[in-house]
Each structure stands twice: as C-alpha cells, then as structure tokens.
Amino acid sequence: MNVFLGIGTNLGDRESNLKEAMVRIEESLGEILAASSVYETEPWGFKSKDQFLNMIVYIRTDLRPSGLLGRILMIEALMGRIRDDREYKSRIIDIDILLYDNEIIDGSTLVIPHPRLHERRFVLVPLCEIAPERIHPVFGKSFESLLKKCRDKSKVVLHSNPLSAKL
C-alpha cells in the first residue's frame, strides 16, 4: 500500500528529530519512496514560541491501517512523545497518517484521509511539492486545488531539503 505521512516537531533538535523519525519509519513501516522538503511553520491550533519543522514522506508498506497506526504510536513513544488527545501542544515528534492509498476509513481511533488535511497549509504545501495532482479521496479535488482554496494563512517557509547534509 502507498501511504502519505506528515511528520512534525517543535521541541529539541528539530532536524535530528525528523532524521530519526525517517530512519524509524524505514525500519518499522516501509520504504520511503519520496520526501518533501522541510518547512518551518507556525503552531496550528495552539500558541507556542517554538516553531515547527514539518515534512511529508510517501512510503510503501505491507501494514494494514491499524497496524500502521500502532507502529507510528510506538515510534513516537520511543522518541519521547506520549499523545494527549485533549489538546494541541508542543511535541518532540508527531507522525500522522494523511492518506492510505485511496481508502476512506472513519473509525473511532483512526480516520483516513486525515480529517483536517485540507485545512492546514503546513500539510498541503509539502504535499503539493511531491503529489500536486493527487486527488483527495473524499473531496475529489487535487491537493493543488485544495491548497489554492485553503483558508489557513499561516506561514509555511522552506527550511531545507531532507536529503541535504543537515539531515
């Protein structure tokens, strides 16, 4: 299965956090086929002095959605994050399943496509970098089209390319 994952971090050594997450993704989830550049972004949904680094990776996996989620939660925990679904807050790592092939899943613990994907520039900008023509399975519109209509006006600034020497 082909999967798009969003990765974000705003605590500690943010570049190292992204690099470690990518290594763990390849070890535990599947091969990374493509990765966006890294973008520096404002916190979304809460206030913090710490800016985020965000990126998108496109992977191939044999895992079913629930198994994929379980391994993502394991990676986050191993990196020092314990999820708190009550509120948004700063975090050392955040890995979200954005798309799982063209499947639509509306469960109590997992919703795919990610339900706020189309509302977030920090997701849409890097997603458009690697898959602008891909069609959102619920809205039937390309990610490029969704970005043009996105009401989120938060800053999304190119930080680096994930294949650079920095990462």
Protein backbone atom coordinates (compact mmCIF):
# COMPACT_ATOMS: atom_id res chain seq x y z
CA MET A 1 0.00 0.00 0.00
CA ASN A 2 1.11 3.56 -0.70
CA VAL A 3 0.85 5.94 2.24
CA PHE A 4 1.50 9.64 2.84
CA LEU A 5 2.67 10.54 6.34
CA GLY A 6 3.01 14.00 7.86
CA ILE A 7 5.93 14.48 10.25
CA GLY A 8 6.32 17.47 12.56
CA THR A 9 8.42 18.58 15.52
CA ASN A 10 8.88 21.77 17.52
CA LEU A 11 10.92 20.66 20.56
CA GLY A 12 14.59 19.81 20.98
CA ASP A 13 16.86 19.38 17.96
CA ARG A 14 14.11 19.53 15.36
CA GLU A 15 16.27 18.46 12.41
CA SER A 16 17.60 15.45 14.32
CA ASN A 17 14.04 14.57 15.34
CA LEU A 18 12.97 14.48 11.68
CA LYS A 19 16.01 12.44 10.70
CA GLU A 20 15.40 9.92 13.49
CA ALA A 21 11.72 9.66 12.57
CA MET A 22 12.61 8.94 8.94
CA VAL A 23 15.08 6.23 9.96
CA ARG A 24 12.50 4.63 12.26
CA ILE A 25 9.81 4.86 9.56
CA GLU A 26 12.01 2.95 7.13
CA GLU A 27 12.90 0.38 9.79
CA SER A 28 9.35 -0.18 11.09
CA LEU A 29 6.82 0.92 8.48
CA GLY A 30 8.20 0.60 4.97
CA GLU A 31 10.37 2.07 2.25
CA ILE A 32 10.36 5.84 1.82
CA LEU A 33 9.67 6.46 -1.87
CA ALA A 34 9.69 10.27 -1.72
CA ALA A 35 10.12 13.03 0.83
CA SER A 36 9.22 16.68 0.65
CA SER A 37 11.50 19.49 1.64
CA VAL A 38 11.39 20.58 5.28
CA TYR A 39 9.26 23.62 6.08
CA GLU A 40 9.30 25.86 9.12
CA THR A 41 5.76 26.59 10.24
CA GLU A 42 3.76 28.31 12.93
CA PRO A 43 1.98 26.18 15.53
CA TRP A 44 -1.53 25.28 14.38
CA GLY A 45 -4.40 25.25 16.84
CA PHE A 46 -2.39 26.50 19.85
CA LYS A 47 0.16 29.13 20.83
CA SER A 48 3.85 28.38 21.33
CA LYS A 49 7.09 30.30 20.93
CA ASP A 50 8.59 27.19 19.29
CA GLN A 51 8.15 26.98 15.52
CA PHE A 52 7.60 23.59 13.88
CA LEU A 53 9.56 21.80 11.22
CA ASN A 54 7.18 19.80 9.01
CA MET A 55 7.54 17.50 6.05
CA ILE A 56 5.70 14.76 4.17
CA VAL A 57 7.00 11.30 3.33
CA TYR A 58 5.50 8.90 0.82
CA ILE A 59 6.04 5.26 1.77
CA ARG A 60 5.18 1.77 0.58
CA THR A 61 4.04 -0.54 3.37
CA ASP A 62 2.58 -4.02 3.83
CA LEU A 63 0.89 -2.95 7.07
CA ARG A 64 -2.86 -2.55 7.36
CA PRO A 65 -4.04 0.85 8.68
CA SER A 66 -4.47 -0.27 12.30
CA GLY A 67 -1.04 -1.92 12.34
CA LEU A 68 0.48 1.16 10.76
CA LEU A 69 -1.07 3.37 13.44
CA GLY A 70 0.20 1.05 16.19
CA ARG A 71 3.76 1.24 14.89
CA ILE A 72 3.56 5.02 14.49
CA LEU A 73 2.48 5.36 18.13
CA MET A 74 5.40 3.08 19.08
CA ILE A 75 7.88 5.27 17.13
CA GLU A 76 6.50 8.41 18.78
CA ALA A 77 6.75 6.81 22.25
CA LEU A 78 10.31 5.61 21.62
CA MET A 79 11.21 9.16 20.64
CA GLY A 80 9.70 10.53 23.87
CA ARG A 81 6.18 11.53 22.90
CA ILE A 82 3.07 10.36 24.64
CA ARG A 83 -0.06 11.52 22.82
CA ASP A 84 -2.60 13.65 24.65
CA ASP A 85 -5.73 13.89 22.53
CA ARG A 86 -7.34 16.53 24.75
CA GLU A 87 -5.44 19.47 23.27
CA TYR A 88 -2.74 20.51 20.82
CA LYS A 89 0.64 21.24 22.37
CA SER A 90 4.35 21.33 21.60
CA ARG A 91 5.87 17.94 20.82
CA ILE A 92 9.14 16.27 20.06
CA ILE A 93 7.58 14.32 17.18
CA ASP A 94 4.21 13.97 15.52
CA ILE A 95 3.54 11.44 12.78
CA ASP A 96 0.12 11.45 11.13
CA ILE A 97 -1.34 9.13 8.51
CA LEU A 98 -2.62 11.50 5.85
CA LEU A 99 -3.59 9.03 3.12
CA TYR A 100 -3.63 5.24 2.86
CA ASP A 101 -3.89 4.53 -0.87
CA ASN A 102 -7.36 5.83 -1.75
CA GLU A 103 -9.07 4.23 1.23
CA ILE A 104 -11.63 6.06 3.33
CA ILE A 105 -11.71 4.93 6.96
CA ASP A 106 -13.98 6.52 9.55
CA GLY A 107 -13.32 4.66 12.79
CA SER A 108 -13.29 5.63 16.43
CA THR A 109 -9.47 5.52 16.65
CA LEU A 110 -8.47 6.15 13.04
CA VAL A 111 -9.83 8.47 10.35
CA ILE A 112 -8.25 8.41 6.88
CA PRO A 113 -7.80 10.65 4.97
CA HIS A 114 -6.69 12.84 7.86
CA PRO A 115 -9.81 14.89 8.67
CA ARG A 116 -8.03 18.28 8.78
CA LEU A 117 -5.56 17.72 5.93
CA HIS A 118 -7.37 20.20 3.66
CA GLU A 119 -7.39 22.92 6.38
CA ARG A 120 -3.65 23.03 7.02
CA ARG A 121 -1.10 24.81 4.85
CA PHE A 122 1.73 23.07 6.73
CA VAL A 123 0.40 19.78 5.29
CA LEU A 124 -0.77 20.96 1.87
CA VAL A 125 2.38 22.88 0.87
CA PRO A 126 4.79 19.93 1.26
CA LEU A 127 2.14 17.51 -0.05
CA CYS A 128 1.83 19.61 -3.20
CA GLU A 129 5.59 19.51 -3.60
CA ILE A 130 5.57 15.73 -4.08
CA ALA A 131 1.98 14.98 -5.24
CA PRO A 132 0.19 18.13 -6.50
CA GLU A 133 -2.12 16.26 -8.88
CA ARG A 134 -3.09 13.51 -6.43
CA ILE A 135 -6.84 13.50 -5.77
CA HIS A 136 -8.25 13.68 -2.26
CA PRO A 137 -10.46 10.56 -1.98
CA VAL A 138 -13.28 12.36 -0.12
CA PHE A 139 -13.37 15.76 -1.85
CA GLY A 140 -12.42 14.57 -5.34
CA LYS A 141 -10.06 17.55 -5.80
CA SER A 142 -6.31 17.70 -6.32
CA PHE A 143 -4.11 18.77 -3.45
CA GLU A 144 -3.01 21.72 -5.56
CA SER A 145 -6.65 22.81 -5.84
CA LEU A 146 -7.23 22.31 -2.11
CA LEU A 147 -4.17 24.45 -1.33
CA LYS A 148 -5.45 27.29 -3.53
CA LYS A 149 -8.77 27.26 -1.62
CA CYS A 150 -7.27 26.73 1.84
CA ARG A 151 -8.36 29.41 4.34
CA ASP A 152 -5.34 28.84 6.58
CA LYS A 153 -3.00 31.80 6.13
CA SER A 154 -0.22 30.67 8.49
CA LYS A 155 3.38 30.95 7.34
CA VAL A 156 5.00 27.92 5.70
CA VAL A 157 8.63 28.74 4.86
CA LEU A 158 11.10 26.45 3.09
CA HIS A 159 13.69 25.32 5.63
CA SER A 160 15.73 22.66 3.85
CA ASN A 161 15.70 19.61 1.65
CA PRO A 162 15.61 16.35 3.67
CA LEU A 163 18.41 14.88 1.59
CA SER A 164 20.77 17.73 2.44
CA ALA A 165 23.84 17.30 4.62
CA LYS A 166 21.98 18.93 7.54
CA LEU A 167 19.69 15.92 7.88
